[in-house]
């Protein structure tokens, strides 16, 4: 019963971290905020996701699970933004 909650929370943190990484990119024009804040939030979200996954997985497996979940999101965010900008 705890496993779905742990994995859902970790995936939500990874999605938040990927969104913060996308906003922190140098050519992003969604926000005019300082660039280091979204980067710090991204690091905090991804570290939290790793820590949540460590509840159920070994440390190495939790790290690679976090990275594996992050990779498709880093591809999806710019693609979704490009599709949204095209009308």
Protein backbone atom coordinates (compact mmCIF):
# COMPACT_ATOMS: atom_id res chain seq x y z
CA UNK A 1 0.00 0.00 0.00
CA UNK A 2 2.92 2.34 0.64
CA UNK A 3 4.76 1.58 -2.61
CA UNK A 4 2.30 3.35 -4.98
CA UNK A 5 2.35 6.45 -2.77
CA UNK A 6 6.16 6.48 -2.69
CA UNK A 7 6.50 6.07 -6.45
CA UNK A 8 3.79 8.65 -7.19
CA UNK A 9 5.40 11.20 -4.89
CA UNK A 10 8.83 10.61 -6.40
CA UNK A 11 7.48 10.90 -9.96
CA UNK A 12 5.73 14.15 -9.05
CA UNK A 13 9.00 15.50 -7.69
CA UNK A 14 10.83 14.47 -10.87
CA UNK A 15 8.20 16.25 -13.00
CA UNK A 16 8.64 19.37 -10.87
CA UNK A 17 12.41 19.13 -11.17
CA UNK A 18 12.23 18.75 -14.94
CA UNK A 19 9.91 21.75 -15.20
CA UNK A 20 12.32 23.82 -13.11
CA UNK A 21 15.24 22.74 -15.29
CA UNK A 22 13.28 23.77 -18.37
CA UNK A 23 12.47 27.19 -16.89
CA UNK A 24 16.11 27.64 -15.83
CA UNK A 25 17.45 27.16 -19.35
CA UNK A 26 19.18 30.27 -20.72
CA UNK A 27 16.94 30.74 -23.77
CA UNK A 28 13.69 30.30 -21.87
CA UNK A 29 11.46 33.35 -21.99
CA UNK A 30 8.55 32.16 -19.82
CA UNK A 31 9.84 33.91 -16.75
CA UNK A 32 12.03 36.89 -16.18
CA UNK A 33 13.15 35.60 -12.78
CA UNK A 34 16.75 35.15 -11.90
CA UNK A 35 18.11 32.04 -13.53
CA UNK A 36 19.64 30.49 -10.42
CA UNK A 37 16.38 30.12 -8.51
CA UNK A 38 14.73 27.58 -10.83
CA UNK A 39 18.03 25.70 -10.95
CA UNK A 40 18.16 25.47 -7.17
CA UNK A 41 14.54 24.35 -7.05
CA UNK A 42 15.29 21.73 -9.71
CA UNK A 43 18.19 20.39 -7.68
CA UNK A 44 16.05 20.32 -4.54
CA UNK A 45 13.18 18.52 -6.30
CA UNK A 46 15.47 15.92 -7.86
CA UNK A 47 17.32 15.33 -4.60
CA UNK A 48 13.98 14.94 -2.83
CA UNK A 49 12.84 12.45 -5.49
CA UNK A 50 15.99 10.44 -4.96
CA UNK A 51 15.45 10.50 -1.19
CA UNK A 52 11.83 9.38 -1.57
CA UNK A 53 12.82 6.53 -3.87
CA UNK A 54 15.46 5.48 -1.33
CA UNK A 55 12.58 4.48 0.95
CA UNK A 56 11.80 1.54 -1.33
CA UNK A 57 14.99 1.10 -3.41
CA UNK A 58 18.73 0.83 -2.87
CA UNK A 59 20.62 4.13 -3.21
CA UNK A 60 22.10 3.29 -6.61
CA UNK A 61 18.82 2.03 -7.98
CA UNK A 62 17.06 5.13 -6.67
CA UNK A 63 19.58 7.39 -8.42
CA UNK A 64 19.25 5.63 -11.76
CA UNK A 65 15.46 5.53 -11.44
CA UNK A 66 15.45 9.29 -10.89
CA UNK A 67 17.69 9.87 -13.90
CA UNK A 68 15.70 7.45 -16.06
CA UNK A 69 12.44 9.20 -15.17
CA UNK A 70 14.03 12.60 -15.84
CA UNK A 71 15.33 11.82 -19.34
CA UNK A 72 11.99 11.59 -21.20
CA UNK A 73 10.73 14.68 -19.41
CA UNK A 74 13.73 16.70 -20.55
CA UNK A 75 12.76 15.77 -24.10
CA UNK A 76 9.03 16.31 -23.59
CA UNK A 77 9.07 19.83 -22.07
CA UNK A 78 10.67 21.61 -25.07
CA UNK A 79 8.58 19.56 -27.49
CA UNK A 80 5.35 20.48 -25.70
CA UNK A 81 6.40 24.13 -25.59
CA UNK A 82 7.11 24.10 -29.32
CA UNK A 83 3.74 22.51 -30.06
CA UNK A 84 1.99 25.01 -27.81
CA UNK A 85 3.71 27.95 -29.47
CA UNK A 86 2.73 26.78 -32.95
CA UNK A 87 -0.81 27.84 -33.84
